[in-house]
C-alpha atoms as a PDB file:
ATOM      1  CA  MET A   1     -15.901  22.168  -2.869  1.00  0.00           C
ATOM      2  CA  LYS A   2     -14.596  24.037   0.175  1.00  0.00           C
ATOM      3  CA  ASN A   3     -17.571  23.042   2.346  1.00  0.00           C
ATOM      4  CA  TYR A   4     -17.298  19.457   1.126  1.00  0.00           C
ATOM      5  CA  LEU A   5     -13.623  19.258   2.067  1.00  0.00           C
ATOM      6  CA  ILE A   6     -14.338  20.672   5.527  1.00  0.00           C
ATOM      7  CA  ARG A   7     -17.079  18.066   6.106  1.00  0.00           C
ATOM      8  CA  ARG A   8     -14.835  15.243   4.952  1.00  0.00           C
ATOM      9  CA  LEU A   9     -11.999  16.378   7.201  1.00  0.00           C
ATOM     10  CA  MET A  10     -14.389  16.567  10.147  1.00  0.00           C
ATOM     11  CA  MET A  11     -15.610  13.048   9.401  1.00  0.00           C
ATOM     12  CA  MET A  12     -12.048  11.753   9.674  1.00  0.00           C
ATOM     13  CA  ILE A  13     -11.984  12.393  13.413  1.00  0.00           C
ATOM     14  CA  PRO A  14     -14.680   9.887  14.514  1.00  0.00           C
ATOM     15  CA  ILE A  15     -13.524   7.364  11.912  1.00  0.00           C
ATOM     16  CA  LEU A  16      -9.938   7.418  13.183  1.00  0.00           C
ATOM     17  CA  PHE A  17     -11.241   7.257  16.754  1.00  0.00           C
ATOM     18  CA  GLY A  18     -13.265   4.138  15.939  1.00  0.00           C
ATOM     19  CA  VAL A  19     -10.337   2.509  14.160  1.00  0.00           C
ATOM     20  CA  THR A  20      -7.994   3.111  17.089  1.00  0.00           C
ATOM     21  CA  PHE A  21     -10.577   1.785  19.544  1.00  0.00           C
ATOM     22  CA  VAL A  22     -11.102  -1.488  17.681  1.00  0.00           C
ATOM     23  CA  THR A  23      -7.467  -2.143  16.774  1.00  0.00           C
ATOM     24  CA  PHE A  24      -6.172  -1.291  20.255  1.00  0.00           C
ATOM     25  CA  PHE A  25      -8.358  -3.866  21.965  1.00  0.00           C
ATOM     26  CA  ILE A  26      -7.671  -6.498  19.296  1.00  0.00           C
ATOM     27  CA  VAL A  27      -3.911  -6.016  19.647  1.00  0.00           C
ATOM     28  CA  TYR A  28      -3.876  -5.991  23.430  1.00  0.00           C
ATOM     29  CA  LEU A  29      -6.260  -8.916  23.825  1.00  0.00           C
ATOM     30  CA  ALA A  30      -4.084 -11.161  21.643  1.00  0.00           C
ATOM     31  CA  PRO A  31      -2.471 -14.098  23.501  1.00  0.00           C
ATOM     32  CA  GLY A  32       0.966 -13.575  24.972  1.00  0.00           C
ATOM     33  CA  SER A  33       2.778 -10.588  26.360  1.00  0.00           C
ATOM     34  CA  PRO A  34       5.854  -8.638  25.216  1.00  0.00           C
ATOM     35  CA  VAL A  35       7.294  -9.162  28.681  1.00  0.00           C
ATOM     36  CA  ASP A  36       7.558 -12.916  27.973  1.00  0.00           C
ATOM     37  CA  LEU A  37       9.915 -12.159  25.082  1.00  0.00           C
ATOM     38  CA  MET A  38      12.000  -9.639  27.004  1.00  0.00           C
ATOM     39  CA  ILE A  39      12.862 -11.687  30.102  1.00  0.00           C
ATOM     40  CA  GLY A  40      14.883 -14.842  30.528  1.00  0.00           C
ATOM     41  CA  PRO A  41      13.583 -18.215  31.741  1.00  0.00           C
ATOM     42  CA  ASN A  42      15.210 -17.738  35.150  1.00  0.00           C
ATOM     43  CA  THR A  43      13.714 -14.313  35.824  1.00  0.00           C
ATOM     44  CA  THR A  44      12.013 -14.015  39.196  1.00  0.00           C
ATOM     45  CA  PRO A  45       8.295 -13.160  39.444  1.00  0.00           C
ATOM     46  CA  GLU A  46       9.211  -9.890  41.123  1.00  0.00           C
ATOM     47  CA  ALA A  47      11.418  -8.848  38.200  1.00  0.00           C
ATOM     48  CA  ARG A  48       8.702  -9.838  35.739  1.00  0.00           C
ATOM     49  CA  GLU A  49       6.138  -7.796  37.647  1.00  0.00           C
ATOM     50  CA  ALA A  50       8.495  -4.811  37.725  1.00  0.00           C
ATOM     51  CA  MET A  51       9.011  -5.082  33.954  1.00  0.00           C
ATOM     52  CA  THR A  52       5.257  -5.258  33.386  1.00  0.00           C
ATOM     53  CA  ARG A  53       4.699  -2.217  35.561  1.00  0.00           C
ATOM     54  CA  SER A  54       7.467  -0.220  33.853  1.00  0.00           C
ATOM     55  CA  LEU A  55       5.814  -0.816  30.461  1.00  0.00           C
ATOM     56  CA  GLY A  56       2.399   0.186  31.808  1.00  0.00           C
ATOM     57  CA  LEU A  57       0.900  -3.233  31.066  1.00  0.00           C
ATOM     58  CA  ASP A  58      -0.316  -3.787  34.617  1.00  0.00           C
ATOM     59  CA  ALA A  59      -3.243  -1.371  34.212  1.00  0.00           C
ATOM     60  CA  PRO A  60      -6.628  -2.476  32.792  1.00  0.00           C
ATOM     61  CA  VAL A  61      -6.867  -2.422  29.024  1.00  0.00           C
ATOM     62  CA  TYR A  62      -9.323   0.480  28.908  1.00  0.00           C
ATOM     63  CA  ARG A  63      -6.989   2.632  31.028  1.00  0.00           C
ATOM     64  CA  GLN A  64      -4.086   1.779  28.755  1.00  0.00           C
ATOM     65  CA  TYR A  65      -6.215   2.819  25.785  1.00  0.00           C
ATOM     66  CA  PHE A  66      -7.170   6.197  27.200  1.00  0.00           C
ATOM     67  CA  ALA A  67      -3.570   6.825  28.250  1.00  0.00           C
ATOM     68  CA  TRP A  68      -2.406   5.978  24.730  1.00  0.00           C
ATOM     69  CA  LEU A  69      -5.161   8.138  23.194  1.00  0.00           C
ATOM     70  CA  GLY A  70      -4.168  11.044  25.399  1.00  0.00           C
ATOM     71  CA  ASN A  71      -0.593  10.751  24.204  1.00  0.00           C
ATOM     72  CA  ILE A  72      -1.790  10.633  20.595  1.00  0.00           C
ATOM     73  CA  LEU A  73      -3.685  13.902  21.035  1.00  0.00           C
ATOM     74  CA  ARG A  74      -0.445  15.449  22.253  1.00  0.00           C
ATOM     75  CA  GLY A  75       1.428  14.104  19.218  1.00  0.00           C
ATOM     76  CA  ASN A  76       3.192  11.303  21.078  1.00  0.00           C
ATOM     77  CA  LEU A  77       2.926   7.751  19.715  1.00  0.00           C
ATOM     78  CA  GLY A  78       4.861   6.303  22.644  1.00  0.00           C
ATOM     79  CA  TYR A  79       8.023   4.232  22.747  1.00  0.00           C
ATOM     80  CA  SER A  80       8.809   0.896  21.163  1.00  0.00           C
ATOM     81  CA  PHE A  81       8.904  -2.067  23.541  1.00  0.00           C
ATOM     82  CA  SER A  82      11.721  -3.705  21.586  1.00  0.00           C
ATOM     83  CA  SER A  83      14.064  -0.800  20.794  1.00  0.00           C
ATOM     84  CA  PHE A  84      12.909   1.712  23.458  1.00  0.00           C
ATOM     85  CA  ARG A  85      12.936   4.455  20.832  1.00  0.00           C
ATOM     86  CA  PRO A  86      10.066   6.815  19.910  1.00  0.00           C
ATOM     87  CA  VAL A  87       7.540   5.125  17.653  1.00  0.00           C
ATOM     88  CA  THR A  88       7.547   8.128  15.317  1.00  0.00           C
ATOM     89  CA  GLN A  89      11.284   7.665  14.831  1.00  0.00           C
ATOM     90  CA  VAL A  90      10.990   3.897  14.285  1.00  0.00           C
ATOM     91  CA  ILE A  91       8.241   4.304  11.677  1.00  0.00           C
ATOM     92  CA  GLY A  92       9.800   7.387  10.103  1.00  0.00           C
ATOM     93  CA  GLU A  93      12.994   5.478   9.331  1.00  0.00           C
ATOM     94  CA  ARG A  94      11.038   2.862   7.357  1.00  0.00           C
ATOM     95  CA  ILE A  95       8.659   5.120   5.414  1.00  0.00           C
ATOM     96  CA  PRO A  96      11.146   6.217   2.683  1.00  0.00           C
ATOM     97  CA  ALA A  97      11.995   2.617   1.739  1.00  0.00           C
ATOM     98  CA  THR A  98       8.325   1.638   1.472  1.00  0.00           C
ATOM     99  CA  PHE A  99       7.426   4.769  -0.490  1.00  0.00           C
ATOM    100  CA  ILE A 100      10.230   4.038  -2.956  1.00  0.00           C
ATOM    101  CA  LEU A 101       8.961   0.493  -3.435  1.00  0.00           C
ATOM    102  CA  MET A 102       5.274   1.445  -3.505  1.00  0.00           C
ATOM    103  CA  GLY A 103       5.696   4.431  -5.769  1.00  0.00           C
ATOM    104  CA  SER A 104       7.879   2.599  -8.270  1.00  0.00           C
ATOM    105  CA  ALA A 105       5.553  -0.403  -8.434  1.00  0.00           C
ATOM    106  CA  LEU A 106       2.446   1.754  -8.805  1.00  0.00           C
ATOM    107  CA  LEU A 107       4.007   3.901 -11.524  1.00  0.00           C
ATOM    108  CA  ILE A 108       5.306   0.935 -13.520  1.00  0.00           C
ATOM    109  CA  GLY A 109       2.017  -0.937 -13.091  1.00  0.00           C
ATOM    110  CA  ILE A 110       0.038   2.027 -14.445  1.00  0.00           C
ATOM    111  CA  LEU A 111       2.418   2.578 -17.355  1.00  0.00           C
ATOM    112  CA  ILE A 112       2.029  -1.076 -18.328  1.00  0.00           C
ATOM    113  CA  ALA A 113      -1.719  -1.328 -17.752  1.00  0.00           C
ATOM    114  CA  ILE A 114      -2.895   1.794 -19.613  1.00  0.00           C
ATOM    115  CA  PRO A 115      -1.551   0.952 -23.106  1.00  0.00           C
ATOM    116  CA  LEU A 116      -2.320  -2.766 -22.750  1.00  0.00           C
ATOM    117  CA  GLY A 117      -5.855  -2.094 -21.483  1.00  0.00           C
ATOM    118  CA  VAL A 118      -6.638   0.462 -24.206  1.00  0.00           C
ATOM    119  CA  LEU A 119      -5.175  -1.659 -27.032  1.00  0.00           C
ATOM    120  CA  SER A 120      -6.939  -4.730 -25.681  1.00  0.00           C
ATOM    121  CA  ALA A 121     -10.270  -2.904 -25.956  1.00  0.00           C
ATOM    122  CA  LEU A 122      -9.497  -1.566 -29.437  1.00  0.00           C
ATOM    123  CA  LYS A 123      -8.452  -5.044 -30.630  1.00  0.00           C
ATOM    124  CA  GLN A 124     -11.217  -6.995 -28.916  1.00  0.00           C
ATOM    125  CA  HIS A 125     -11.147 -10.785 -29.492  1.00  0.00           C
ATOM    126  CA  SER A 126      -7.762 -10.585 -31.192  1.00  0.00           C
ATOM    127  CA  VAL A 127      -4.602 -12.482 -30.314  1.00  0.00           C
ATOM    128  CA  PHE A 128      -3.317  -9.370 -28.536  1.00  0.00           C
ATOM    129  CA  ASP A 129      -6.518  -9.166 -26.486  1.00  0.00           C
ATOM    130  CA  TYR A 130      -6.228 -12.800 -25.401  1.00  0.00           C
ATOM    131  CA  ALA A 131      -2.537 -12.357 -24.550  1.00  0.00           C
ATOM    132  CA  ALA A 132      -3.280  -9.258 -22.436  1.00  0.00           C
ATOM    133  CA  THR A 133      -6.090 -11.145 -20.693  1.00  0.00           C
ATOM    134  CA  VAL A 134      -3.763 -14.037 -19.847  1.00  0.00           C
ATOM    135  CA  LEU A 135      -1.177 -11.573 -18.508  1.00  0.00           C
ATOM    136  CA  ALA A 136      -3.819  -9.813 -16.424  1.00  0.00           C
ATOM    137  CA  PHE A 137      -5.115 -13.041 -14.882  1.00  0.00           C
ATOM    138  CA  PHE A 138      -1.574 -14.192 -14.167  1.00  0.00           C
ATOM    139  CA  GLY A 139      -0.774 -10.936 -12.382  1.00  0.00           C
ATOM    140  CA  VAL A 140      -3.935 -11.135 -10.292  1.00  0.00           C
ATOM    141  CA  SER A 141      -3.795 -14.830  -9.388  1.00  0.00           C
ATOM    142  CA  ALA A 142      -0.056 -15.458  -8.892  1.00  0.00           C
ATOM    143  CA  PRO A 143       0.804 -15.233  -5.153  1.00  0.00           C
ATOM    144  CA  ASN A 144       3.484 -12.736  -4.205  1.00  0.00           C
ATOM    145  CA  PHE A 145       5.485 -15.289  -2.251  1.00  0.00           C
ATOM    146  CA  PHE A 146       5.475 -17.686  -5.218  1.00  0.00           C
ATOM    147  CA  LEU A 147       6.722 -15.028  -7.638  1.00  0.00           C
ATOM    148  CA  GLY A 148       9.231 -13.769  -5.099  1.00  0.00           C
ATOM    149  CA  LEU A 149      10.835 -17.152  -4.488  1.00  0.00           C
ATOM    150  CA  GLY A 150      10.767 -17.921  -8.203  1.00  0.00           C
ATOM    151  CA  LEU A 151      12.506 -14.680  -9.181  1.00  0.00           C
ATOM    152  CA  ILE A 152      15.091 -15.122  -6.440  1.00  0.00           C
ATOM    153  CA  PHE A 153      15.866 -18.635  -7.645  1.00  0.00           C
ATOM    154  CA  ILE A 154      16.180 -17.604 -11.305  1.00  0.00           C
ATOM    155  CA  PHE A 155      17.719 -14.121 -11.224  1.00  0.00           C
ATOM    156  CA  SER A 156      19.636 -14.206  -7.938  1.00  0.00           C
ATOM    157  CA  ILE A 157      20.812 -17.810  -7.532  1.00  0.00           C
ATOM    158  CA  LYS A 158      21.064 -19.089 -11.105  1.00  0.00           C
ATOM    159  CA  LEU A 159      21.787 -16.000 -13.206  1.00  0.00           C
ATOM    160  CA  ARG A 160      23.214 -13.815 -10.409  1.00  0.00           C
ATOM    161  CA  MET A 161      21.797 -10.724 -12.073  1.00  0.00           C
ATOM    162  CA  PHE A 162      20.053  -9.120  -9.087  1.00  0.00           C
ATOM    163  CA  PRO A 163      20.545  -9.253  -5.299  1.00  0.00           C
ATOM    164  CA  SER A 164      18.096 -11.328  -3.309  1.00  0.00           C
ATOM    165  CA  SER A 165      17.744  -9.096  -0.259  1.00  0.00           C
ATOM    166  CA  GLY A 166      18.267  -5.663   1.183  1.00  0.00           C
ATOM    167  CA  MET A 167      18.019  -2.154  -0.204  1.00  0.00           C
ATOM    168  CA  PHE A 168      21.745  -1.400  -0.465  1.00  0.00           C
ATOM    169  CA  THR A 169      24.957  -3.313  -0.988  1.00  0.00           C
ATOM    170  CA  LEU A 170      26.760  -3.794   2.305  1.00  0.00           C
ATOM    171  CA  GLY A 171      29.719  -1.434   2.376  1.00  0.00           C
ATOM    172  CA  GLY A 172      28.544   0.278  -0.807  1.00  0.00           C
ATOM    173  CA  ASP A 173      27.971   3.961  -1.517  1.00  0.00           C
ATOM    174  CA  ARG A 174      24.135   3.692  -1.387  1.00  0.00           C
ATOM    175  CA  SER A 175      23.835   5.339  -4.779  1.00  0.00           C
ATOM    176  CA  VAL A 176      20.678   5.533  -6.894  1.00  0.00           C
ATOM    177  CA  PRO A 177      21.836   2.782  -9.315  1.00  0.00           C
ATOM    178  CA  ASP A 178      22.493   0.529  -6.328  1.00  0.00           C
ATOM    179  CA  ILE A 179      18.957   1.130  -5.012  1.00  0.00           C
ATOM    180  CA  ILE A 180      17.460   0.446  -8.449  1.00  0.00           C
ATOM    181  CA  HIS A 181      19.476  -2.774  -8.684  1.00  0.00           C
ATOM    182  CA  HIS A 182      18.025  -4.004  -5.380  1.00  0.00           C
ATOM    183  CA  LEU A 183      14.575  -2.643  -6.238  1.00  0.00           C
ATOM    184  CA  ALA A 184      14.199  -4.552  -9.501  1.00  0.00           C
ATOM    185  CA  LEU A 185      12.841  -7.873  -8.208  1.00  0.00           C
ATOM    186  CA  PRO A 186      10.416  -6.710  -5.468  1.00  0.00           C
ATOM    187  CA  CYS A 187       9.148  -3.898  -7.689  1.00  0.00           C
ATOM    188  CA  THR A 188       8.528  -6.352 -10.536  1.00  0.00           C
ATOM    189  CA  ILE A 189       6.350  -8.532  -8.295  1.00  0.00           C
ATOM    190  CA  LEU A 190       4.166  -5.671  -7.060  1.00  0.00           C
ATOM    191  CA  ALA A 191       3.969  -4.034 -10.495  1.00  0.00           C
ATOM    192  CA  THR A 192       2.828  -7.331 -12.049  1.00  0.00           C
ATOM    193  CA  ALA A 193      -0.047  -7.615  -9.590  1.00  0.00           C
ATOM    194  CA  ILE A 194      -1.059  -3.968 -10.053  1.00  0.00           C
ATOM    195  CA  ALA A 195      -0.918  -4.157 -13.851  1.00  0.00           C
ATOM    196  CA  GLY A 196      -2.994  -7.345 -13.826  1.00  0.00           C
ATOM    197  CA  ARG A 197      -5.786  -5.653 -11.872  1.00  0.00           C
ATOM    198  CA  PHE A 198      -5.694  -2.440 -13.866  1.00  0.00           C
ATOM    199  CA  ILE A 199      -5.673  -4.009 -17.344  1.00  0.00           C
ATOM    200  CA  ARG A 200      -9.051  -5.676 -16.901  1.00  0.00           C
ATOM    201  CA  TYR A 201     -10.730  -2.549 -15.515  1.00  0.00           C
ATOM    202  CA  ILE A 202      -9.290  -0.264 -18.190  1.00  0.00           C
ATOM    203  CA  ARG A 203     -10.330  -2.696 -20.933  1.00  0.00           C
ATOM    204  CA  SER A 204     -13.887  -2.952 -19.638  1.00  0.00           C
ATOM    205  CA  SER A 205     -14.181   0.806 -19.208  1.00  0.00           C
ATOM    206  CA  MET A 206     -12.854   1.495 -22.707  1.00  0.00           C
ATOM    207  CA  LEU A 207     -15.233  -1.042 -24.240  1.00  0.00           C
ATOM    208  CA  ASP A 208     -18.182   0.768 -22.658  1.00  0.00           C
ATOM    209  CA  ILE A 209     -16.936   4.162 -23.850  1.00  0.00           C
ATOM    210  CA  LEU A 210     -16.334   2.943 -27.400  1.00  0.00           C
ATOM    211  CA  GLN A 211     -20.027   2.059 -27.700  1.00  0.00           C
ATOM    212  CA  GLN A 212     -21.217   5.554 -26.807  1.00  0.00           C
ATOM    213  CA  ASP A 213     -23.045   7.622 -29.427  1.00  0.00           C
ATOM    214  CA  TYR A 214     -20.968  10.773 -28.923  1.00  0.00           C
ATOM    215  CA  LEU A 215     -17.798   8.897 -29.867  1.00  0.00           C
ATOM    216  CA  ARG A 216     -19.308   7.543 -33.068  1.00  0.00           C
ATOM    217  CA  THR A 217     -20.615  11.035 -33.879  1.00  0.00           C
ATOM    218  CA  ALA A 218     -17.161  12.550 -33.413  1.00  0.00           C
ATOM    219  CA  ALA A 219     -15.629   9.916 -35.670  1.00  0.00           C
ATOM    220  CA  SER A 220     -18.293  10.471 -38.348  1.00  0.00           C
ATOM    221  CA  LYS A 221     -17.531  14.227 -38.325  1.00  0.00           C
ATOM    222  CA  GLY A 222     -13.930  13.543 -39.249  1.00  0.00           C
ATOM    223  CA  VAL A 223     -12.317  13.896 -35.837  1.00  0.00           C
ATOM    224  CA  PRO A 224      -8.943  12.096 -35.987  1.00  0.00           C
ATOM    225  CA  PHE A 225      -8.853   8.633 -34.485  1.00  0.00           C
ATOM    226  CA  ILE A 226      -6.079   9.579 -32.044  1.00  0.00           C
ATOM    227  CA  THR A 227      -8.151  12.516 -30.796  1.00  0.00           C
ATOM    228  CA  CYS A 228     -11.254  10.365 -30.332  1.00  0.00           C
ATOM    229  CA  ILE A 229      -9.405   7.730 -28.361  1.00  0.00           C
ATOM    230  CA  GLY A 230      -6.797   9.821 -26.565  1.00  0.00           C
ATOM    231  CA  ILE A 231      -9.010  12.728 -25.494  1.00  0.00           C
ATOM    232  CA  HIS A 232     -12.699  11.862 -25.652  1.00  0.00           C
ATOM    233  CA  ALA A 233     -12.665   8.136 -24.848  1.00  0.00           C
ATOM    234  CA  PHE A 234      -9.715   7.819 -22.515  1.00  0.00           C
ATOM    235  CA  ARG A 235     -10.651  10.826 -20.370  1.00  0.00           C
ATOM    236  CA  ASN A 236     -14.060   9.297 -19.633  1.00  0.00           C
ATOM    237  CA  ALA A 237     -12.431   5.947 -18.969  1.00  0.00           C
ATOM    238  CA  LEU A 238     -10.198   7.576 -16.336  1.00  0.00           C
ATOM    239  CA  LEU A 239     -12.819   7.477 -13.563  1.00  0.00           C
ATOM    240  CA  PRO A 240     -12.495   3.733 -12.824  1.00  0.00           C
ATOM    241  CA  LEU A 241      -8.711   4.099 -13.019  1.00  0.00           C
ATOM    242  CA  ILE A 242      -8.779   6.932 -10.469  1.00  0.00           C
ATOM    243  CA  THR A 243     -10.795   4.720  -8.130  1.00  0.00           C
ATOM    244  CA  LEU A 244      -8.320   1.865  -8.515  1.00  0.00           C
ATOM    245  CA  VAL A 245      -5.305   4.071  -7.906  1.00  0.00           C
ATOM    246  CA  GLY A 246      -6.932   5.585  -4.820  1.00  0.00           C
ATOM    247  CA  LEU A 247      -7.691   2.156  -3.401  1.00  0.00           C
ATOM    248  CA  GLU A 248      -4.309   0.765  -4.400  1.00  0.00           C
ATOM    249  CA  ILE A 249      -2.234   3.255  -2.409  1.00  0.00           C
ATOM    250  CA  PRO A 250      -3.213   1.937   1.056  1.00  0.00           C
ATOM    251  CA  SER A 251      -3.569  -1.660  -0.093  1.00  0.00           C
ATOM    252  CA  LEU A 252      -0.003  -1.640  -1.401  1.00  0.00           C
ATOM    253  CA  LEU A 253       1.129  -1.204   2.179  1.00  0.00           C
ATOM    254  CA  GLY A 254      -0.522  -4.493   3.071  1.00  0.00           C
ATOM    255  CA  GLY A 255       0.694  -6.233  -0.063  1.00  0.00           C
ATOM    256  CA  ALA A 256       4.247  -5.092   0.574  1.00  0.00           C
ATOM    257  CA  VAL A 257       4.293  -6.993   3.871  1.00  0.00           C
ATOM    258  CA  ILE A 258       4.998 -10.297   2.114  1.00  0.00           C
ATOM    259  CA  VAL A 259       7.333  -8.859  -0.516  1.00  0.00           C
ATOM    260  CA  GLU A 260       9.356  -6.833   1.971  1.00  0.00           C
ATOM    261  CA  ARG A 261       9.708  -9.869   4.200  1.00  0.00           C
ATOM    262  CA  ILE A 262      10.910 -12.105   1.363  1.00  0.00           C
ATOM    263  CA  PHE A 263      13.462  -9.590   0.067  1.00  0.00           C
ATOM    264  CA  SER A 264      14.398  -8.162   3.497  1.00  0.00           C
ATOM    265  CA  TRP A 265      13.367  -4.737   2.255  1.00  0.00           C
ATOM    266  CA  PRO A 266      13.647  -2.308   5.212  1.00  0.00           C
ATOM    267  CA  GLY A 267      10.168  -0.836   4.913  1.00  0.00           C
ATOM    268  CA  ILE A 268       6.871  -0.606   6.759  1.00  0.00           C
ATOM    269  CA  GLY A 269       5.780  -4.104   5.748  1.00  0.00           C
ATOM    270  CA  ARG A 270       8.828  -5.746   7.261  1.00  0.00           C
ATOM    271  CA  LEU A 271       8.471  -3.578  10.370  1.00  0.00           C
ATOM    272  CA  THR A 272       4.889  -4.804  10.749  1.00  0.00           C
ATOM    273  CA  ILE A 273       5.931  -8.459  10.726  1.00  0.00           C
ATOM    274  CA  ASP A 274       8.819  -7.827  13.118  1.00  0.00           C
ATOM    275  CA  SER A 275       6.529  -5.914  15.514  1.00  0.00           C
ATOM    276  CA  ILE A 276       3.980  -8.736  15.489  1.00  0.00           C
ATOM    277  CA  LEU A 277       6.639 -11.335  16.273  1.00  0.00           C
ATOM    278  CA  VAL A 278       7.905  -9.414  19.317  1.00  0.00           C
ATOM    279  CA  ARG A 279       4.449  -8.080  20.289  1.00  0.00           C
ATOM    280  CA  ASP A 280       5.579  -4.477  20.054  1.00  0.00           C
ATOM    281  CA  TYR A 281       2.176  -2.936  20.796  1.00  0.00           C
ATOM    282  CA  PRO A 282       3.064   0.776  20.448  1.00  0.00           C
ATOM    283  CA  VAL A 283       4.621   0.273  17.018  1.00  0.00           C
ATOM    284  CA  LEU A 284       1.672  -1.848  15.854  1.00  0.00           C
ATOM    285  CA  MET A 285      -0.789   0.807  16.981  1.00  0.00           C
ATOM    286  CA  GLY A 286       1.226   3.499  15.261  1.00  0.00           C
ATOM    287  CA  LEU A 287       1.227   1.488  12.039  1.00  0.00           C
ATOM    288  CA  ASN A 288      -2.525   0.871  12.283  1.00  0.00           C
ATOM    289  CA  LEU A 289      -3.170   4.567  12.838  1.00  0.00           C
ATOM    290  CA  MET A 290      -0.975   5.497   9.886  1.00  0.00           C
ATOM    291  CA  THR A 291      -2.667   2.953   7.613  1.00  0.00           C
ATOM    292  CA  ALA A 292      -6.154   4.137   8.603  1.00  0.00           C
ATOM    293  CA  GLY A 293      -5.169   7.729   7.923  1.00  0.00           C
ATOM    294  CA  MET A 294      -3.747   6.726   4.552  1.00  0.00           C
ATOM    295  CA  VAL A 295      -6.994   4.975   3.570  1.00  0.00           C
ATOM    296  CA  ILE A 296      -9.114   7.998   4.516  1.00  0.00           C
ATOM    297  CA  PHE A 297      -6.739  10.438   2.820  1.00  0.00           C
ATOM    298  CA  SER A 298      -6.645   8.320  -0.356  1.00  0.00           C
ATOM    299  CA  SER A 299     -10.446   8.315  -0.460  1.00  0.00           C
ATOM    300  CA  LEU A 300     -10.499  12.111  -0.198  1.00  0.00           C
ATOM    301  CA  ILE A 301      -7.905  12.539  -2.942  1.00  0.00           C
ATOM    302  CA  THR A 302      -9.899  10.151  -5.151  1.00  0.00           C
ATOM    303  CA  ASP A 303     -13.036  12.288  -4.806  1.00  0.00           C
ATOM    304  CA  ILE A 304     -11.068  15.431  -5.681  1.00  0.00           C
ATOM    305  CA  LEU A 305      -9.580  13.768  -8.771  1.00  0.00           C
ATOM    306  CA  TYR A 306     -13.086  12.716  -9.816  1.00  0.00           C
ATOM    307  CA  ALA A 307     -14.117  16.354 -10.056  1.00  0.00           C
ATOM    308  CA  ALA A 308     -10.931  17.234 -11.928  1.00  0.00           C
ATOM    309  CA  ALA A 309     -11.422  14.449 -14.500  1.00  0.00           C
ATOM    310  CA  ASP A 310     -15.161  14.961 -14.990  1.00  0.00           C
ATOM    311  CA  PRO A 311     -16.458  18.578 -14.817  1.00  0.00           C
ATOM    312  CA  ARG A 312     -19.999  17.248 -14.451  1.00  0.00           C
ATOM    313  CA  ILE A 313     -19.187  16.099 -10.905  1.00  0.00           C
ATOM    314  CA  LYS A 314     -19.799  18.850  -8.379  1.00  0.00           C
ATOM    315  CA  TYR A 315     -19.316  18.703  -4.608  1.00  0.00           C
ATOM    316  CA  ARG A 316     -21.195  21.034  -2.306  1.00  0.00           C
END
């Protein structure tokens, strides 16, 4: 396992290098310039040129890339074009809000999907199975923006039960109950989508396990039903779930872009949209680098959890 982890960590270096290379040129070759959004219509060409030079945008793209890469190797992500603050500080301020939203949605989605997926497999072709299938397809197919606007209209405008935007009440004490109150609607949307995806995979995995000979043998020997399902069957059905959770962690960051924008949640997703609108290249590159690292790290954690869930899996 130790040698495997060292090889995987070494592989991260060229992968991250390739990701930064591709994303940097895509971002910088996009139409428009941040200078156009920072100057007024009556600005002289000399002032515009001075602004471009001060931001380092007058150099060729490949030189800008190597300068940015050199700063990255020294632990410096640069400064935001819009706020003129360090990118690490700009991103660091948004990470807690996104982790609260992501973690809550992932946890609730798993807690909903596991019992529904297992019971759906045990009660195959029953009314419960059909109801769980309908719920799963609804969670997968319903767009986030549609659910978001619908929940805002019902629970914020009509019933006035939950706030429609923000993470805290303006002028409030920023307490945990206040955060949970604001978290309810966006978390529900993400958790619904996660649960919908997980239910179908858990059901299919459990159906395959239930047909295995070792499970029927254990049942015929008098092993309690709860033990057969809860220990023998469910543990083997965990492998697809581990894969889904590992892939869901980075993808939630992309899915939260729409939800955070709709509910004005001050997280990474909203920062991404705001940075795109103002062409804040350093912040966008920092977000891309963070997302790539999260994908690679999630893949590594998934492989480690594989070995923990199934002793037959060995890494060398």
